[in-house]
C-alpha atoms as a PDB file:
ATOM      1  CA  MET A   1      21.382  92.312-158.568  1.00  0.00           C
ATOM      2  CA  THR A   2      23.723  95.290-158.483  1.00  0.00           C
ATOM      3  CA  LEU A   3      26.769  95.055-160.691  1.00  0.00           C
ATOM      4  CA  THR A   4      29.547  97.624-160.504  1.00  0.00           C
ATOM      5  CA  THR A   5      30.977  98.353-163.928  1.00  0.00           C
ATOM      6  CA  ALA A   6      33.235 101.254-163.053  1.00  0.00           C
ATOM      7  CA  LYS A   7      35.893 102.114-160.542  1.00  0.00           C
ATOM      8  CA  TYR A   8      35.333 104.241-157.444  1.00  0.00           C
ATOM      9  CA  TYR A   9      37.046 107.633-157.308  1.00  0.00           C
ATOM     10  CA  THR A  10      36.868 110.305-154.605  1.00  0.00           C
ATOM     11  CA  PRO A  11      36.218 113.962-155.551  1.00  0.00           C
ATOM     12  CA  SER A  12      39.990 114.552-155.514  1.00  0.00           C
ATOM     13  CA  GLY A  13      40.403 111.909-158.227  1.00  0.00           C
ATOM     14  CA  ARG A  14      41.790 109.211-155.968  1.00  0.00           C
ATOM     15  CA  LEU A  15      41.000 105.606-156.923  1.00  0.00           C
ATOM     16  CA  ILE A  16      39.968 103.919-153.672  1.00  0.00           C
ATOM     17  CA  GLN A  17      39.729 100.343-154.940  1.00  0.00           C
ATOM     18  CA  ARG A  18      42.538  97.888-154.398  1.00  0.00           C
ATOM     19  CA  ASP A  19      44.087  96.379-157.502  1.00  0.00           C
ATOM     20  CA  TYR A  20      42.318  93.119-158.267  1.00  0.00           C
ATOM     21  CA  SER A  21      43.946  92.236-161.565  1.00  0.00           C
ATOM     22  CA  HIS A  22      46.456  89.701-160.224  1.00  0.00           C
ATOM     23  CA  GLN A  23      44.451  87.826-157.604  1.00  0.00           C
ATOM     24  CA  SER A  24      41.427  85.627-157.257  1.00  0.00           C
ATOM     25  CA  PHE A  25      37.954  86.874-156.396  1.00  0.00           C
ATOM     26  CA  PHE A  26      38.249  85.104-153.021  1.00  0.00           C
ATOM     27  CA  ASP A  27      41.593  86.743-152.198  1.00  0.00           C
ATOM     28  CA  TYR A  28      40.281  90.191-153.165  1.00  0.00           C
ATOM     29  CA  TYR A  29      37.347  90.011-150.753  1.00  0.00           C
ATOM     30  CA  ASN A  30      39.113  88.168-147.947  1.00  0.00           C
ATOM     31  CA  HIS A  31      42.395  90.042-147.774  1.00  0.00           C
ATOM     32  CA  LYS A  32      43.988  90.799-144.415  1.00  0.00           C
ATOM     33  CA  ASP A  33      46.158  93.784-145.366  1.00  0.00           C
ATOM     34  CA  LEU A  34      43.816  96.696-144.684  1.00  0.00           C
ATOM     35  CA  ASP A  35      46.519  99.372-144.835  1.00  0.00           C
ATOM     36  CA  THR A  36      47.465  98.917-148.497  1.00  0.00           C
ATOM     37  CA  LYS A  37      48.685 102.140-150.104  1.00  0.00           C
ATOM     38  CA  ASN A  38      49.609 102.811-153.693  1.00  0.00           C
ATOM     39  CA  MET A  39      52.568 105.151-153.252  1.00  0.00           C
ATOM     40  CA  ASN A  40      52.351 106.056-156.974  1.00  0.00           C
ATOM     41  CA  ASP A  41      48.809 107.434-156.534  1.00  0.00           C
ATOM     42  CA  VAL A  42      49.209 110.396-154.162  1.00  0.00           C
ATOM     43  CA  LYS A  43      46.423 112.993-153.931  1.00  0.00           C
ATOM     44  CA  MET A  44      45.412 115.864-151.692  1.00  0.00           C
ATOM     45  CA  THR A  45      41.991 116.186-150.094  1.00  0.00           C
ATOM     46  CA  ASP A  46      40.086 119.467-150.185  1.00  0.00           C
ATOM     47  CA  GLY A  47      41.313 120.011-146.632  1.00  0.00           C
ATOM     48  CA  GLY A  48      44.942 119.614-147.693  1.00  0.00           C
ATOM     49  CA  ARG A  49      45.624 116.147-146.294  1.00  0.00           C
ATOM     50  CA  THR A  50      47.789 113.709-148.256  1.00  0.00           C
ATOM     51  CA  VAL A  51      45.975 110.495-149.192  1.00  0.00           C
ATOM     52  CA  TYR A  52      46.996 107.443-151.202  1.00  0.00           C
ATOM     53  CA  GLY A  53      45.035 105.433-153.738  1.00  0.00           C
ATOM     54  CA  GLY A  54      44.276 101.766-153.786  1.00  0.00           C
ATOM     55  CA  GLY A  55      43.532 101.012-150.159  1.00  0.00           C
ATOM     56  CA  GLY A  56      40.047 102.287-149.554  1.00  0.00           C
ATOM     57  CA  ILE A  57      39.258 105.203-147.284  1.00  0.00           C
ATOM     58  CA  SER A  58      40.964 105.152-143.901  1.00  0.00           C
ATOM     59  CA  PRO A  59      39.166 106.737-140.975  1.00  0.00           C
ATOM     60  CA  ASP A  60      40.568 109.912-139.437  1.00  0.00           C
ATOM     61  CA  GLU A  61      39.879 108.498-135.986  1.00  0.00           C
ATOM     62  CA  LYS A  62      40.375 104.833-135.204  1.00  0.00           C
ATOM     63  CA  TYR A  63      38.800 103.081-132.270  1.00  0.00           C
ATOM     64  CA  THR A  64      39.804  99.576-131.364  1.00  0.00           C
ATOM     65  CA  PRO A  65      37.407  98.154-128.819  1.00  0.00           C
ATOM     66  CA  PRO A  66      39.135  96.451-125.923  1.00  0.00           C
ATOM     67  CA  LYS A  67      39.064  92.684-125.987  1.00  0.00           C
ATOM     68  CA  PRO A  68      36.937  91.131-123.251  1.00  0.00           C
ATOM     69  CA  ASN A  69      38.992  89.954-120.305  1.00  0.00           C
ATOM     70  CA  PRO A  70      38.552  86.438-118.804  1.00  0.00           C
ATOM     71  CA  PHE A  71      36.118  87.742-116.177  1.00  0.00           C
ATOM     72  CA  GLN A  72      33.922  89.362-118.841  1.00  0.00           C
ATOM     73  CA  ILE A  73      34.092  86.274-121.058  1.00  0.00           C
ATOM     74  CA  GLN A  74      32.953  84.119-118.150  1.00  0.00           C
ATOM     75  CA  LEU A  75      29.946  86.345-117.463  1.00  0.00           C
ATOM     76  CA  LEU A  76      28.976  86.510-121.123  1.00  0.00           C
ATOM     77  CA  THR A  77      29.340  82.811-121.881  1.00  0.00           C
ATOM     78  CA  LYS A  78      27.378  81.840-118.769  1.00  0.00           C
ATOM     79  CA  PHE A  79      24.611  84.387-119.525  1.00  0.00           C
ATOM     80  CA  ALA A  80      25.123  86.010-116.121  1.00  0.00           C
ATOM     81  CA  PHE A  81      23.237  89.212-116.931  1.00  0.00           C
ATOM     82  CA  PHE A  82      20.261  87.489-118.543  1.00  0.00           C
ATOM     83  CA  ASN A  83      19.986  84.943-115.725  1.00  0.00           C
ATOM     84  CA  PHE A  84      20.399  87.584-113.019  1.00  0.00           C
ATOM     85  CA  SER A  85      17.711  89.720-114.645  1.00  0.00           C
ATOM     86  CA  LYS A  86      15.355  86.749-114.685  1.00  0.00           C
ATOM     87  CA  HIS A  87      16.262  85.984-111.049  1.00  0.00           C
ATOM     88  CA  TYR A  88      15.841  89.613-109.973  1.00  0.00           C
ATOM     89  CA  PHE A  89      12.488  90.198-111.656  1.00  0.00           C
ATOM     90  CA  ALA A  90      11.102  86.972-110.211  1.00  0.00           C
ATOM     91  CA  THR A  91      10.916  88.812-106.865  1.00  0.00           C
ATOM     92  CA  HIS A  92      10.762  92.466-107.968  1.00  0.00           C
ATOM     93  CA  ASP A  93       8.379  94.510-110.088  1.00  0.00           C
ATOM     94  CA  THR A  94       9.483  94.779-113.721  1.00  0.00           C
ATOM     95  CA  LYS A  95       8.634  98.476-113.684  1.00  0.00           C
ATOM     96  CA  LEU A  96      11.749 100.599-113.490  1.00  0.00           C
ATOM     97  CA  PRO A  97      11.843 104.390-113.458  1.00  0.00           C
ATOM     98  CA  ASP A  98      12.781 106.226-116.645  1.00  0.00           C
ATOM     99  CA  ASN A  99      16.561 106.568-117.093  1.00  0.00           C
ATOM    100  CA  TRP A 100      17.099 103.830-114.519  1.00  0.00           C
ATOM    101  CA  ALA A 101      20.665 102.713-113.912  1.00  0.00           C
ATOM    102  CA  PRO A 102      21.993 100.054-111.538  1.00  0.00           C
ATOM    103  CA  ASP A 103      22.796 101.421-108.089  1.00  0.00           C
ATOM    104  CA  GLN A 104      24.966  99.943-105.363  1.00  0.00           C
ATOM    105  CA  ASN A 105      22.090  97.740-104.135  1.00  0.00           C
ATOM    106  CA  ILE A 106      21.745  96.110-107.566  1.00  0.00           C
ATOM    107  CA  LEU A 107      25.507  95.614-107.776  1.00  0.00           C
ATOM    108  CA  THR A 108      25.473  93.991-104.329  1.00  0.00           C
ATOM    109  CA  ASP A 109      22.580  91.721-105.399  1.00  0.00           C
ATOM    110  CA  PHE A 110      24.446  90.823-108.594  1.00  0.00           C
ATOM    111  CA  HIS A 111      27.611  90.101-106.624  1.00  0.00           C
ATOM    112  CA  SER A 112      25.679  87.829-104.249  1.00  0.00           C
ATOM    113  CA  TYR A 113      23.986  86.127-107.195  1.00  0.00           C
ATOM    114  CA  MET A 114      27.365  85.416-108.803  1.00  0.00           C
ATOM    115  CA  LEU A 115      28.680  83.912-105.566  1.00  0.00           C
ATOM    116  CA  GLY A 116      25.568  81.750-105.239  1.00  0.00           C
ATOM    117  CA  GLU A 117      25.933  80.564-108.833  1.00  0.00           C
ATOM    118  CA  LYS A 118      29.610  79.633-108.203  1.00  0.00           C
ATOM    119  CA  PHE A 119      31.177  82.133-110.591  1.00  0.00           C
ATOM    120  CA  THR A 120      34.917  82.311-110.050  1.00  0.00           C
ATOM    121  CA  PHE A 121      36.234  85.828-109.626  1.00  0.00           C
ATOM    122  CA  THR A 122      38.196  88.007-107.275  1.00  0.00           C
ATOM    123  CA  GLU A 123      36.966  91.171-105.617  1.00  0.00           C
ATOM    124  CA  ALA A 124      39.574  93.072-107.622  1.00  0.00           C
ATOM    125  CA  GLU A 125      38.127  91.710-110.904  1.00  0.00           C
ATOM    126  CA  PHE A 126      34.629  92.708-109.836  1.00  0.00           C
ATOM    127  CA  ALA A 127      35.811  96.207-108.897  1.00  0.00           C
ATOM    128  CA  GLU A 128      37.850  96.836-112.053  1.00  0.00           C
ATOM    129  CA  ASN A 129      34.925  95.728-114.247  1.00  0.00           C
ATOM    130  CA  ASN A 130      32.383  97.797-112.316  1.00  0.00           C
ATOM    131  CA  ASP A 131      31.466 100.182-115.165  1.00  0.00           C
ATOM    132  CA  TRP A 132      31.180  97.317-117.655  1.00  0.00           C
ATOM    133  CA  ILE A 133      28.964  95.387-115.225  1.00  0.00           C
ATOM    134  CA  LYS A 134      26.712  98.429-114.756  1.00  0.00           C
ATOM    135  CA  ARG A 135      26.357  98.933-118.523  1.00  0.00           C
ATOM    136  CA  SER A 136      25.626  95.261-119.082  1.00  0.00           C
ATOM    137  CA  LEU A 137      23.116  95.042-116.241  1.00  0.00           C
ATOM    138  CA  ARG A 138      21.339  98.178-117.372  1.00  0.00           C
ATOM    139  CA  LYS A 139      20.996  96.946-120.923  1.00  0.00           C
ATOM    140  CA  GLU A 140      19.765  93.485-119.905  1.00  0.00           C
ATOM    141  CA  MET A 141      17.333  94.712-117.292  1.00  0.00           C
ATOM    142  CA  TYR A 142      15.909  97.248-119.759  1.00  0.00           C
ATOM    143  CA  VAL A 143      14.782  94.329-121.920  1.00  0.00           C
ATOM    144  CA  ALA A 144      12.422  93.114-119.166  1.00  0.00           C
ATOM    145  CA  ALA A 145      11.360  96.559-117.983  1.00  0.00           C
ATOM    146  CA  PHE A 146      11.046  98.525-121.236  1.00  0.00           C
ATOM    147  CA  GLY A 147      11.464  96.099-124.152  1.00  0.00           C
ATOM    148  CA  ALA A 148      14.197  95.191-126.605  1.00  0.00           C
ATOM    149  CA  ASP A 149      14.056  98.472-128.557  1.00  0.00           C
ATOM    150  CA  GLU A 150      14.632 100.561-125.440  1.00  0.00           C
ATOM    151  CA  ALA A 151      17.416  98.200-124.319  1.00  0.00           C
ATOM    152  CA  PHE A 152      19.062  98.620-127.715  1.00  0.00           C
ATOM    153  CA  ARG A 153      18.810 102.413-127.408  1.00  0.00           C
ATOM    154  CA  VAL A 154      20.474 102.298-123.976  1.00  0.00           C
ATOM    155  CA  GLY A 155      23.143  99.969-125.341  1.00  0.00           C
ATOM    156  CA  VAL A 156      23.969 102.446-128.101  1.00  0.00           C
ATOM    157  CA  GLU A 157      23.948 105.437-125.735  1.00  0.00           C
ATOM    158  CA  THR A 158      26.440 103.759-123.408  1.00  0.00           C
ATOM    159  CA  ASP A 159      28.596 102.078-126.054  1.00  0.00           C
ATOM    160  CA  PRO A 160      32.236 103.235-125.712  1.00  0.00           C
ATOM    161  CA  MET A 161      32.629 103.234-129.505  1.00  0.00           C
ATOM    162  CA  VAL A 162      29.627 105.543-129.912  1.00  0.00           C
ATOM    163  CA  GLU A 163      30.971 107.769-127.136  1.00  0.00           C
ATOM    164  CA  LYS A 164      34.307 107.985-128.996  1.00  0.00           C
ATOM    165  CA  ALA A 165      32.469 108.918-132.195  1.00  0.00           C
ATOM    166  CA  ILE A 166      30.529 111.661-130.404  1.00  0.00           C
ATOM    167  CA  ASP A 167      33.750 112.978-128.875  1.00  0.00           C
ATOM    168  CA  SER A 168      35.209 113.157-132.411  1.00  0.00           C
ATOM    169  CA  LEU A 169      32.363 115.264-133.836  1.00  0.00           C
ATOM    170  CA  PRO A 170      34.033 118.641-133.116  1.00  0.00           C
ATOM    171  CA  LYS A 171      37.123 117.482-135.007  1.00  0.00           C
ATOM    172  CA  ALA A 172      34.917 116.369-137.915  1.00  0.00           C
ATOM    173  CA  ALA A 173      33.197 119.760-137.962  1.00  0.00           C
ATOM    174  CA  SER A 174      36.596 121.439-137.979  1.00  0.00           C
ATOM    175  CA  LEU A 175      37.757 119.293-140.930  1.00  0.00           C
ATOM    176  CA  LEU A 176      34.573 120.135-142.828  1.00  0.00           C
ATOM    177  CA  GLU A 177      34.985 123.867-142.184  1.00  0.00           C
ATOM    178  CA  SER A 178      38.618 123.700-143.303  1.00  0.00           C
ATOM    179  CA  ALA A 179      37.606 121.932-146.530  1.00  0.00           C
ATOM    180  CA  ARG A 180      34.910 124.542-147.192  1.00  0.00           C
ATOM    181  CA  ARG A 181      37.442 127.353-146.820  1.00  0.00           C
ATOM    182  CA  VAL A 182      39.779 125.659-149.306  1.00  0.00           C
ATOM    183  CA  ILE A 183      36.945 125.185-151.816  1.00  0.00           C
ATOM    184  CA  VAL A 184      35.877 128.843-151.502  1.00  0.00           C
ATOM    185  CA  GLN A 185      39.472 129.990-152.051  1.00  0.00           C
ATOM    186  CA  ARG A 186      39.720 127.830-155.185  1.00  0.00           C
ATOM    187  CA  MET A 187      36.546 129.357-156.585  1.00  0.00           C
ATOM    188  CA  LYS A 188      37.916 132.930-156.289  1.00  0.00           C
END
């Protein structure tokens, strides 16, 4: 068992814990207000940004994944990608080339499969979800062709949240360099 007996402070001296003195244990851990700020506890980071105590550490970059649309929900709840993969590999070799990705032929086969299985969708829905379908097909078909670990790797590589994080790396490097400069100036 790990028991915390102290409060958490950042290097700038900011208390990042929310106040728990006037609420139940349940309310503390199941709160909904994630943007709590203690306006009386104002600090500056090494990079010169203003931060507030009491609400945890807020990310510099926020990514809110899009909610699945009705077409996507239908495909997921009816296991369309898993069932298509099973259907496809029943008549095709499970060997796929390295870095394989669904081409137009696979999309056409998937489209035909969906029609045959009585999925309800419009051509516009299929077209506007094309990239999502390709990512989902690739990940599912990698399970049969290369195994679950490789499918997971492909899922991570094509995850929009991971792509956003990678796109944010230059900004993170810039923030780190800025903080280093401030620390060096303080030491002089």
